[in-house]
Amino acid sequence: MDNTVLELQLAELKAAFPGKVMIPLSHAARYLRVDPRTLHANHSFPMRKCKRVWYVNLVALAKWMVR
């Protein structure tokens, strides 16, 4: 994986979600323009459950997007 591509993707995500480290799955789905159920069914998608809400780490999302 090229670090410059990862850094560019992470910078774009940080610009889209300023001041956030974790975003809800629904926001990630809206950003990627896919249904949240599609991301939830994808076992390689990086998400964690906190109480009743699924969250996505921005760094893990950037890595997943450039893989």
Protein backbone atom coordinates (compact mmCIF):
# COMPACT_ATOMS: atom_id res chain seq x y z
CA MET A 1 0.00 0.00 0.00
CA ASP A 2 1.35 3.42 -0.94
CA ASN A 3 1.55 5.75 2.06
CA THR A 4 0.95 8.89 0.02
CA VAL A 5 -2.35 7.53 -1.28
CA LEU A 6 -3.34 6.57 2.25
CA GLU A 7 -2.41 10.02 3.56
CA LEU A 8 -4.41 11.73 0.81
CA GLN A 9 -7.45 9.56 1.49
CA LEU A 10 -7.19 10.18 5.23
CA ALA A 11 -6.90 13.94 4.66
CA GLU A 12 -10.03 13.84 2.49
CA LEU A 13 -11.93 11.92 5.18
CA LYS A 14 -10.77 14.34 7.89
CA ALA A 15 -11.96 17.24 5.75
CA ALA A 16 -15.35 15.58 5.27
CA PHE A 17 -15.66 14.78 9.01
CA PRO A 18 -13.75 17.52 10.88
CA GLY A 19 -12.83 16.77 14.47
CA LYS A 20 -14.05 13.16 14.32
CA VAL A 21 -12.10 9.98 14.89
CA MET A 22 -15.07 7.59 14.69
CA ILE A 23 -18.18 8.09 12.57
CA PRO A 24 -21.45 6.16 12.55
CA LEU A 25 -21.88 3.47 9.92
CA SER A 26 -24.73 5.44 8.35
CA HIS A 27 -22.41 8.43 7.74
CA ALA A 28 -19.76 6.19 6.21
CA ALA A 29 -22.39 4.61 3.96
CA ARG A 30 -23.63 8.02 2.86
CA TYR A 31 -20.04 9.12 2.15
CA LEU A 32 -19.38 5.97 0.09
CA ARG A 33 -22.85 6.16 -1.56
CA VAL A 34 -23.85 2.62 -0.62
CA ASP A 35 -26.54 1.13 1.57
CA PRO A 36 -25.50 0.61 5.22
CA ARG A 37 -26.71 -3.00 5.01
CA THR A 38 -24.21 -3.62 2.22
CA LEU A 39 -21.34 -2.41 4.39
CA HIS A 40 -22.63 -4.37 7.37
CA ALA A 41 -22.71 -7.55 5.27
CA ASN A 42 -19.14 -7.00 4.05
CA HIS A 43 -16.94 -8.84 6.54
CA SER A 44 -13.81 -6.94 5.55
CA PHE A 45 -15.35 -3.54 6.34
CA PRO A 46 -13.82 -2.05 9.52
CA MET A 47 -16.59 -1.32 12.01
CA ARG A 48 -17.10 -1.66 15.74
CA LYS A 49 -20.27 -1.80 17.78
CA CYS A 50 -20.66 0.53 20.74
CA LYS A 51 -23.93 -0.10 22.57
CA ARG A 52 -26.50 -0.21 19.74
CA VAL A 53 -24.64 1.81 17.10
CA TRP A 54 -21.97 0.62 14.66
CA TYR A 55 -19.00 3.00 14.28
CA VAL A 56 -16.16 3.24 11.76
CA ASN A 57 -12.67 4.51 12.56
CA LEU A 58 -11.49 7.05 9.95
CA VAL A 59 -7.96 5.60 9.72
CA ALA A 60 -9.32 2.08 9.24
CA LEU A 61 -11.81 3.39 6.67
CA ALA A 62 -9.00 5.10 4.73
CA LYS A 63 -6.98 1.86 4.74
CA TRP A 64 -10.04 -0.11 3.61
CA MET A 65 -10.68 2.38 0.77
CA VAL A 66 -7.13 2.21 -0.64
CA ARG A 67 -6.67 -1.56 -0.40
